[in-house]
N, C-alpha and C. Protein backbone atom coordinates (compact mmCIF):
# COMPACT_ATOMS: atom_id res chain seq x y z
N UNK A 1 -4.98 -13.27 8.13
CA UNK A 1 -4.16 -12.11 8.44
C UNK A 1 -4.80 -10.87 7.82
N UNK A 2 -5.19 -9.96 8.66
CA UNK A 2 -5.86 -8.74 8.19
C UNK A 2 -4.83 -7.63 8.00
N UNK A 3 -4.87 -7.05 6.80
CA UNK A 3 -3.94 -5.96 6.48
C UNK A 3 -4.73 -4.71 6.12
N UNK A 4 -4.25 -3.58 6.57
CA UNK A 4 -4.82 -2.29 6.17
C UNK A 4 -3.76 -1.52 5.40
N UNK A 5 -4.22 -0.57 4.60
CA UNK A 5 -3.29 0.21 3.79
C UNK A 5 -3.62 1.69 3.91
N UNK A 6 -2.59 2.50 4.05
CA UNK A 6 -2.75 3.95 4.13
C UNK A 6 -1.78 4.59 3.14
N UNK A 7 -2.32 5.07 2.02
CA UNK A 7 -1.50 5.69 0.98
C UNK A 7 -1.56 7.21 1.17
N UNK A 8 -0.42 7.82 1.43
CA UNK A 8 -0.36 9.26 1.73
C UNK A 8 -0.02 10.12 0.52
N UNK A 9 0.01 9.55 -0.68
CA UNK A 9 0.36 10.33 -1.87
C UNK A 9 -0.53 11.56 -2.05
N UNK A 10 -1.83 11.41 -1.79
CA UNK A 10 -2.77 12.51 -2.06
C UNK A 10 -2.69 13.65 -1.04
N UNK A 11 -2.15 13.38 0.15
CA UNK A 11 -2.15 14.41 1.21
C UNK A 11 -0.73 14.78 1.65
N UNK A 12 0.26 14.47 0.82
CA UNK A 12 1.66 14.61 1.22
C UNK A 12 2.04 16.00 1.71
N UNK A 13 1.32 17.05 1.27
CA UNK A 13 1.71 18.41 1.65
C UNK A 13 0.71 19.06 2.60
N UNK A 14 -0.18 18.27 3.21
CA UNK A 14 -1.19 18.82 4.12
C UNK A 14 -1.07 18.11 5.47
N UNK A 15 -0.31 18.74 6.37
CA UNK A 15 0.04 18.13 7.64
C UNK A 15 -1.12 17.62 8.47
N UNK A 16 -2.20 18.41 8.58
CA UNK A 16 -3.32 17.98 9.40
C UNK A 16 -4.00 16.75 8.81
N UNK A 17 -4.05 16.66 7.49
CA UNK A 17 -4.67 15.50 6.85
C UNK A 17 -3.78 14.26 6.96
N UNK A 18 -2.48 14.46 6.95
CA UNK A 18 -1.55 13.34 7.14
C UNK A 18 -1.79 12.72 8.51
N UNK A 19 -1.80 13.57 9.55
CA UNK A 19 -2.02 13.07 10.91
C UNK A 19 -3.38 12.40 11.05
N UNK A 20 -4.41 13.00 10.45
CA UNK A 20 -5.75 12.42 10.54
C UNK A 20 -5.79 11.04 9.87
N UNK A 21 -5.18 10.93 8.69
CA UNK A 21 -5.15 9.65 7.97
C UNK A 21 -4.43 8.58 8.79
N UNK A 22 -3.30 8.97 9.41
CA UNK A 22 -2.54 8.01 10.22
C UNK A 22 -3.32 7.61 11.47
N UNK A 23 -3.94 8.58 12.14
CA UNK A 23 -4.74 8.25 13.33
C UNK A 23 -5.91 7.33 12.98
N UNK A 24 -6.56 7.61 11.84
CA UNK A 24 -7.71 6.79 11.44
C UNK A 24 -7.29 5.35 11.13
N UNK A 25 -6.19 5.17 10.42
CA UNK A 25 -5.78 3.81 10.07
C UNK A 25 -5.32 3.05 11.31
N UNK A 26 -4.67 3.73 12.24
CA UNK A 26 -4.24 3.06 13.47
C UNK A 26 -5.45 2.67 14.33
N UNK A 27 -6.44 3.56 14.41
CA UNK A 27 -7.66 3.26 15.17
C UNK A 27 -8.40 2.08 14.56
N UNK A 28 -8.49 2.06 13.25
CA UNK A 28 -9.15 0.95 12.55
C UNK A 28 -8.40 -0.35 12.77
N UNK A 29 -7.07 -0.31 12.75
CA UNK A 29 -6.26 -1.50 12.99
C UNK A 29 -6.54 -2.07 14.37
N UNK A 30 -6.64 -1.20 15.36
CA UNK A 30 -6.94 -1.65 16.72
C UNK A 30 -8.35 -2.22 16.78
N UNK A 31 -9.30 -1.53 16.14
CA UNK A 31 -10.69 -1.96 16.17
C UNK A 31 -10.89 -3.35 15.59
N UNK A 32 -10.25 -3.63 14.45
CA UNK A 32 -10.44 -4.93 13.80
C UNK A 32 -9.32 -5.92 14.12
N UNK A 33 -8.40 -5.51 14.98
CA UNK A 33 -7.24 -6.34 15.34
C UNK A 33 -6.46 -6.78 14.10
N UNK A 34 -6.10 -5.80 13.28
CA UNK A 34 -5.31 -6.07 12.08
C UNK A 34 -3.92 -6.55 12.47
N UNK A 35 -3.33 -7.35 11.61
CA UNK A 35 -1.98 -7.83 11.91
C UNK A 35 -0.92 -6.88 11.36
N UNK A 36 -1.25 -6.19 10.25
CA UNK A 36 -0.28 -5.29 9.61
C UNK A 36 -0.99 -4.09 9.02
N UNK A 37 -0.36 -2.91 9.17
CA UNK A 37 -0.80 -1.72 8.45
C UNK A 37 0.35 -1.34 7.53
N UNK A 38 0.04 -1.23 6.24
CA UNK A 38 1.02 -0.79 5.25
C UNK A 38 0.83 0.71 5.06
N UNK A 39 1.88 1.48 5.32
CA UNK A 39 1.82 2.94 5.15
C UNK A 39 2.72 3.30 3.98
N UNK A 40 2.17 4.05 3.04
CA UNK A 40 2.91 4.41 1.82
C UNK A 40 3.11 5.93 1.79
N UNK A 41 4.26 6.39 2.32
CA UNK A 41 4.55 7.82 2.22
C UNK A 41 5.11 8.18 0.84
N UNK A 42 5.52 7.18 0.07
CA UNK A 42 6.13 7.44 -1.23
C UNK A 42 7.62 7.71 -1.09
N UNK A 43 8.29 7.80 -2.20
CA UNK A 43 9.75 7.95 -2.17
C UNK A 43 10.15 9.41 -1.97
N UNK A 44 9.87 10.26 -2.91
CA UNK A 44 10.13 11.70 -2.77
C UNK A 44 11.44 12.04 -2.09
N UNK A 45 11.40 13.10 -1.27
CA UNK A 45 12.60 13.58 -0.59
C UNK A 45 12.87 12.83 0.71
N UNK A 46 11.89 12.05 1.16
CA UNK A 46 12.04 11.33 2.43
C UNK A 46 11.46 12.08 3.61
N UNK A 47 11.01 13.32 3.40
CA UNK A 47 10.47 14.11 4.52
C UNK A 47 9.16 13.53 5.05
N UNK A 48 8.29 13.06 4.16
CA UNK A 48 7.02 12.49 4.60
C UNK A 48 7.26 11.20 5.38
N UNK A 49 8.20 10.40 4.92
CA UNK A 49 8.52 9.16 5.64
C UNK A 49 9.03 9.49 7.04
N UNK A 50 9.88 10.52 7.15
CA UNK A 50 10.38 10.94 8.47
C UNK A 50 9.23 11.38 9.36
N UNK A 51 8.28 12.11 8.76
CA UNK A 51 7.12 12.58 9.53
C UNK A 51 6.29 11.39 10.04
N UNK A 52 6.09 10.38 9.18
CA UNK A 52 5.35 9.18 9.58
C UNK A 52 6.08 8.47 10.71
N UNK A 53 7.39 8.34 10.61
CA UNK A 53 8.16 7.68 11.67
C UNK A 53 8.07 8.46 12.98
N UNK A 54 8.08 9.80 12.91
CA UNK A 54 7.92 10.61 14.13
C UNK A 54 6.52 10.38 14.73
N UNK A 55 5.50 10.32 13.86
CA UNK A 55 4.13 10.04 14.33
C UNK A 55 4.10 8.70 15.06
N UNK A 56 4.69 7.67 14.44
CA UNK A 56 4.67 6.33 15.03
C UNK A 56 5.48 6.25 16.32
N UNK A 57 6.40 7.18 16.51
CA UNK A 57 7.27 7.18 17.69
C UNK A 57 6.63 7.86 18.90
N UNK A 58 5.46 8.48 18.73
CA UNK A 58 4.78 9.11 19.86
C UNK A 58 4.36 8.03 20.86
N UNK A 59 4.50 8.32 22.14
CA UNK A 59 4.28 7.32 23.18
C UNK A 59 2.91 6.65 23.07
N UNK A 60 1.85 7.44 22.88
CA UNK A 60 0.50 6.84 22.87
C UNK A 60 0.25 6.01 21.61
N UNK A 61 0.94 6.32 20.53
CA UNK A 61 0.81 5.54 19.29
C UNK A 61 1.68 4.29 19.39
N UNK A 62 2.89 4.45 19.90
CA UNK A 62 3.84 3.34 20.03
C UNK A 62 3.26 2.21 20.90
N UNK A 63 2.42 2.58 21.84
CA UNK A 63 1.80 1.59 22.73
C UNK A 63 0.83 0.67 21.98
N UNK A 64 0.39 1.07 20.80
CA UNK A 64 -0.62 0.32 20.06
C UNK A 64 -0.04 -0.83 19.24
N UNK A 65 1.21 -0.70 18.80
CA UNK A 65 1.75 -1.68 17.86
C UNK A 65 2.97 -2.39 18.41
N UNK A 66 3.37 -3.44 17.70
CA UNK A 66 4.51 -4.26 18.12
C UNK A 66 5.84 -3.76 17.54
N UNK A 67 5.88 -3.55 16.21
CA UNK A 67 7.13 -3.09 15.60
C UNK A 67 6.86 -2.45 14.24
N UNK A 68 7.84 -1.67 13.76
CA UNK A 68 7.78 -1.04 12.45
C UNK A 68 8.87 -1.66 11.59
N UNK A 69 8.50 -2.00 10.36
CA UNK A 69 9.46 -2.59 9.42
C UNK A 69 9.54 -1.68 8.19
N UNK A 70 10.76 -1.31 7.83
CA UNK A 70 10.98 -0.55 6.60
C UNK A 70 11.14 -1.56 5.48
N UNK A 71 10.39 -1.39 4.40
CA UNK A 71 10.44 -2.32 3.28
C UNK A 71 11.81 -2.25 2.62
N UNK A 72 12.52 -3.36 2.58
CA UNK A 72 13.86 -3.39 1.99
C UNK A 72 13.82 -3.29 0.47
N UNK A 73 12.69 -3.63 -0.14
CA UNK A 73 12.57 -3.57 -1.60
C UNK A 73 12.00 -2.25 -2.10
N UNK A 74 11.32 -1.52 -1.21
CA UNK A 74 10.63 -0.29 -1.63
C UNK A 74 10.82 0.77 -0.54
N UNK A 75 11.69 1.74 -0.78
CA UNK A 75 12.01 2.80 0.18
C UNK A 75 10.76 3.57 0.61
N UNK A 76 9.74 3.65 -0.26
CA UNK A 76 8.56 4.45 0.02
C UNK A 76 7.45 3.71 0.72
N UNK A 77 7.78 2.67 1.49
CA UNK A 77 6.73 1.87 2.14
C UNK A 77 7.20 1.41 3.51
N UNK A 78 6.28 1.46 4.48
CA UNK A 78 6.54 0.99 5.85
C UNK A 78 5.45 0.00 6.24
N UNK A 79 5.81 -0.95 7.09
CA UNK A 79 4.83 -1.88 7.64
C UNK A 79 4.81 -1.72 9.15
N UNK A 80 3.62 -1.58 9.70
CA UNK A 80 3.45 -1.51 11.15
C UNK A 80 2.81 -2.83 11.57
N UNK A 81 3.53 -3.59 12.39
CA UNK A 81 3.06 -4.92 12.80
C UNK A 81 2.43 -4.85 14.19
N UNK A 82 1.31 -5.56 14.33
CA UNK A 82 0.60 -5.63 15.60
C UNK A 82 0.67 -7.05 16.13
N UNK A 83 0.62 -7.19 17.44
CA UNK A 83 0.58 -8.49 18.08
C UNK A 83 -0.59 -8.47 19.06
N UNK A 84 -1.56 -9.32 18.80
CA UNK A 84 -2.76 -9.38 19.65
C UNK A 84 -2.71 -10.63 20.49
N UNK A 85 -3.09 -10.50 21.77
CA UNK A 85 -3.10 -11.66 22.67
C UNK A 85 -4.51 -12.12 22.88
């Protein structure tokens, strides 16, 4: 099971870098057929997590993955699950 990780702590206040980091990790996941991408927006005010969820909800991005799971133990973490045939 291949997992990738994208920690957004360092770019939390730079919108263009957030989008670039998310696009890069999603492209890499597709390239290597990863099973899970762990995205860490951190806890904070929740605005970054909302931004990540909006990014993942875009039609062309949504077509790439199977489902999104919010970590029940850690509010500041999301898992994006892929299903490869």
